[in-house]
N, C-alpha and C. Protein backbone atom coordinates (compact mmCIF):
# COMPACT_ATOMS: atom_id res chain seq x y z
N UNK A 1 0.78 -1.16 0.03
CA UNK A 1 -0.05 -0.08 0.02
C UNK A 1 0.95 1.29 0.01
N UNK A 2 0.85 2.02 -1.02
CA UNK A 2 1.58 3.25 -1.08
C UNK A 2 0.53 4.29 -1.60
N UNK A 3 0.26 5.25 -0.75
CA UNK A 3 -0.66 6.27 -1.17
C UNK A 3 0.08 7.60 -1.14
N UNK A 4 -0.14 8.47 -2.21
CA UNK A 4 0.62 9.68 -2.36
C UNK A 4 -0.23 10.82 -2.73
N UNK A 5 -0.11 11.97 -2.15
CA UNK A 5 -0.90 13.18 -2.56
C UNK A 5 0.08 14.31 -2.75
N UNK A 6 -0.03 14.99 -3.96
CA UNK A 6 0.76 16.15 -4.23
C UNK A 6 -0.15 17.33 -4.18
N UNK A 7 0.28 18.40 -3.39
CA UNK A 7 -0.43 19.53 -3.34
C UNK A 7 0.49 20.80 -3.55
N UNK A 8 -0.06 21.74 -4.07
CA UNK A 8 0.73 23.01 -4.28
C UNK A 8 -0.07 24.26 -3.96
N UNK A 9 0.62 25.29 -3.71
CA UNK A 9 0.17 26.52 -3.51
C UNK A 9 0.83 27.69 -4.21
N UNK A 10 0.25 28.35 -5.11
CA UNK A 10 0.87 29.31 -5.98
C UNK A 10 0.14 30.70 -5.85
N UNK A 11 0.81 31.75 -5.53
CA UNK A 11 0.37 33.03 -5.44
C UNK A 11 1.40 33.96 -6.00
N UNK A 12 1.32 34.33 -7.32
CA UNK A 12 2.33 35.14 -7.85
C UNK A 12 2.54 36.59 -7.28
N UNK A 13 1.33 37.07 -6.73
CA UNK A 13 1.32 38.41 -6.05
C UNK A 13 2.18 38.46 -4.90
N UNK A 14 2.23 37.35 -4.22
CA UNK A 14 3.05 37.17 -2.93
C UNK A 14 4.30 36.41 -3.05
N UNK A 15 4.68 36.16 -4.41
CA UNK A 15 5.90 35.44 -4.80
C UNK A 15 5.88 34.10 -4.06
N UNK A 16 4.74 33.47 -3.98
CA UNK A 16 4.64 32.19 -3.26
C UNK A 16 4.44 31.05 -4.37
N UNK A 17 5.37 29.99 -4.23
CA UNK A 17 5.29 28.86 -5.08
C UNK A 17 5.77 27.69 -4.27
N UNK A 18 4.81 27.10 -3.59
CA UNK A 18 5.06 25.96 -2.55
C UNK A 18 4.55 24.60 -2.99
N UNK A 19 5.15 23.66 -2.46
CA UNK A 19 4.46 22.24 -2.69
C UNK A 19 4.54 21.57 -1.32
N UNK A 20 3.69 20.55 -1.31
CA UNK A 20 3.52 19.69 -0.13
C UNK A 20 3.19 18.30 -0.55
N UNK A 21 3.93 17.27 -0.18
CA UNK A 21 3.68 15.93 -0.56
C UNK A 21 3.43 15.05 0.61
N UNK A 22 2.39 14.22 0.69
CA UNK A 22 2.07 13.31 1.71
C UNK A 22 2.09 11.91 1.05
N UNK A 23 2.71 10.96 1.81
CA UNK A 23 2.78 9.56 1.29
C UNK A 23 2.78 8.64 2.59
N UNK A 24 2.00 7.51 2.24
CA UNK A 24 2.05 6.46 3.31
C UNK A 24 2.81 5.31 2.65
N UNK A 25 3.78 4.75 3.32
CA UNK A 25 4.66 3.69 2.87
C UNK A 25 4.96 2.70 3.90
N UNK A 26 4.89 1.42 3.56
CA UNK A 26 5.31 0.37 4.57
C UNK A 26 6.85 0.62 4.87
N UNK A 27 7.29 0.17 6.12
CA UNK A 27 8.71 0.20 6.42
C UNK A 27 9.02 -1.22 6.71
N UNK A 28 10.40 -1.35 7.01
CA UNK A 28 10.95 -2.71 7.16
C UNK A 28 10.55 -3.41 8.42
N UNK A 29 9.91 -2.78 9.42
CA UNK A 29 9.54 -3.27 10.64
C UNK A 29 8.10 -3.58 10.75
N UNK A 30 7.40 -3.70 9.57
CA UNK A 30 5.93 -4.06 9.69
C UNK A 30 5.06 -2.94 10.05
N UNK A 31 5.53 -1.72 10.11
CA UNK A 31 4.76 -0.65 10.49
C UNK A 31 4.49 0.25 9.15
N UNK A 32 3.82 1.36 9.28
CA UNK A 32 3.60 2.22 8.21
C UNK A 32 4.14 3.62 8.54
N UNK A 33 4.77 4.23 7.41
CA UNK A 33 5.26 5.52 7.72
C UNK A 33 4.51 6.56 6.87
N UNK A 34 4.29 7.65 7.49
CA UNK A 34 3.64 8.86 6.88
C UNK A 34 4.86 9.78 6.56
N UNK A 35 5.22 9.98 5.31
CA UNK A 35 6.25 10.78 4.92
C UNK A 35 5.65 12.16 4.39
N UNK A 36 6.24 13.15 4.83
CA UNK A 36 5.85 14.51 4.36
C UNK A 36 7.08 15.22 3.80
N UNK A 37 6.85 15.87 2.69
CA UNK A 37 7.93 16.66 2.18
C UNK A 37 7.24 18.02 1.72
N UNK A 38 8.06 19.09 1.99
CA UNK A 38 7.54 20.42 1.66
C UNK A 38 8.65 21.33 1.32
N UNK A 39 8.33 22.43 0.49
CA UNK A 39 9.29 23.36 0.16
C UNK A 39 8.87 24.18 -0.95
N UNK A 40 9.83 24.94 -1.53
CA UNK A 40 9.51 25.74 -2.62
C UNK A 40 9.54 24.91 -3.96
N UNK A 41 8.67 25.18 -4.91
CA UNK A 41 8.59 24.46 -6.15
C UNK A 41 9.85 24.70 -6.94
N UNK A 42 10.53 23.66 -7.39
CA UNK A 42 11.83 23.70 -8.14
C UNK A 42 13.03 23.60 -7.21
N UNK A 43 12.90 23.53 -5.94
CA UNK A 43 13.97 23.39 -5.06
C UNK A 43 13.82 22.17 -4.15
N UNK A 44 14.89 21.70 -3.56
CA UNK A 44 14.75 20.56 -2.73
C UNK A 44 13.95 20.94 -1.47
N UNK A 45 13.27 20.06 -0.91
CA UNK A 45 12.45 20.23 0.15
C UNK A 45 12.78 19.64 1.55
N UNK A 46 12.13 19.89 2.47
CA UNK A 46 12.38 19.26 3.77
C UNK A 46 11.54 18.04 3.92
N UNK A 47 12.03 17.00 4.69
CA UNK A 47 11.33 15.82 4.77
C UNK A 47 11.13 15.44 6.18
N UNK A 48 10.01 14.93 6.64
CA UNK A 48 9.73 14.57 7.94
C UNK A 48 8.95 13.25 7.80
N UNK A 49 9.23 12.36 8.78
CA UNK A 49 8.64 10.88 8.75
C UNK A 49 8.03 10.61 10.13
N UNK A 50 6.87 10.03 10.12
CA UNK A 50 6.23 9.47 11.31
C UNK A 50 5.77 8.03 11.14
N UNK A 51 6.11 7.16 12.13
CA UNK A 51 5.71 5.82 12.01
C UNK A 51 4.44 5.45 12.77
N UNK A 52 3.60 4.63 12.27
CA UNK A 52 2.42 4.24 12.89
C UNK A 52 2.34 2.66 12.83
N UNK A 53 1.63 2.04 13.91
CA UNK A 53 1.58 0.66 14.00
C UNK A 53 0.61 0.09 13.05
N UNK A 54 -0.35 0.75 12.58
CA UNK A 54 -1.33 0.32 11.71
C UNK A 54 -1.60 1.15 10.51
N UNK A 55 -2.10 0.63 9.36
CA UNK A 55 -2.49 1.46 8.24
C UNK A 55 -3.59 2.39 8.55
N UNK A 56 -4.37 2.05 9.32
CA UNK A 56 -5.65 2.88 9.64
C UNK A 56 -5.18 4.19 10.43
N UNK A 57 -4.29 4.03 11.35
CA UNK A 57 -3.63 5.27 12.07
C UNK A 57 -2.99 6.15 11.12
N UNK A 58 -2.09 5.55 10.15
CA UNK A 58 -1.45 6.36 9.23
C UNK A 58 -2.46 7.12 8.25
N UNK A 59 -3.45 6.36 7.81
CA UNK A 59 -4.44 6.97 6.98
C UNK A 59 -5.21 8.18 7.60
N UNK A 60 -5.51 8.03 8.99
CA UNK A 60 -6.19 9.09 9.66
C UNK A 60 -5.26 10.26 9.71
N UNK A 61 -4.03 10.17 10.02
CA UNK A 61 -3.05 11.26 10.07
C UNK A 61 -2.92 11.85 8.68
N UNK A 62 -2.93 11.08 7.67
CA UNK A 62 -2.79 11.56 6.30
C UNK A 62 -4.03 12.41 5.91
N UNK A 63 -5.08 11.96 6.24
CA UNK A 63 -6.36 12.68 5.81
C UNK A 63 -6.42 14.05 6.76
N UNK A 64 -6.07 13.96 8.00
CA UNK A 64 -6.10 15.18 8.82
C UNK A 64 -5.06 16.25 8.38
N UNK A 65 -3.87 15.76 7.80
CA UNK A 65 -2.90 16.74 7.35
C UNK A 65 -3.46 17.36 5.95
N UNK A 66 -3.94 16.41 5.11
CA UNK A 66 -4.39 16.84 3.83
C UNK A 66 -5.59 17.94 3.99
N UNK A 67 -6.50 17.73 4.95
CA UNK A 67 -7.54 18.67 5.05
C UNK A 67 -6.92 20.04 5.51
N UNK A 68 -6.05 20.03 6.45
CA UNK A 68 -5.43 21.19 7.01
C UNK A 68 -4.73 22.01 5.88
N UNK A 69 -3.99 21.22 5.01
CA UNK A 69 -3.22 22.01 3.99
C UNK A 69 -4.30 22.57 2.99
N UNK A 70 -5.33 21.93 2.68
CA UNK A 70 -6.31 22.42 1.70
C UNK A 70 -7.11 23.57 2.30
N UNK A 71 -7.24 23.56 3.53
CA UNK A 71 -7.79 24.87 4.26
C UNK A 71 -6.93 25.99 4.15
N UNK A 72 -5.63 25.73 4.03
CA UNK A 72 -4.57 26.81 3.93
C UNK A 72 -4.32 27.26 2.59
N UNK A 73 -5.13 26.74 1.60
CA UNK A 73 -5.07 27.18 0.19
C UNK A 73 -4.28 26.25 -0.84
N UNK A 74 -3.81 25.10 -0.25
CA UNK A 74 -3.14 24.08 -1.09
C UNK A 74 -4.28 23.38 -2.00
N UNK A 75 -3.84 23.14 -3.17
CA UNK A 75 -4.85 22.30 -4.06
C UNK A 75 -4.10 21.33 -4.91
């Protein structure tokens, strides 16, 4: 199970060009990792990873973060 969501937020008036990527990936320990990457479009981004014991927990965190980013103007 690998789920991935690409979001971006572009506002030329504010010189804003950002991306946000969410992905759920299995890890070597039988858990699931929620991997987040964000930064300026065209540049390398920062990465953060959180592990969850079940796919359902990872999915809940994935959806919570996706909704939060969409409320902030990412599409």
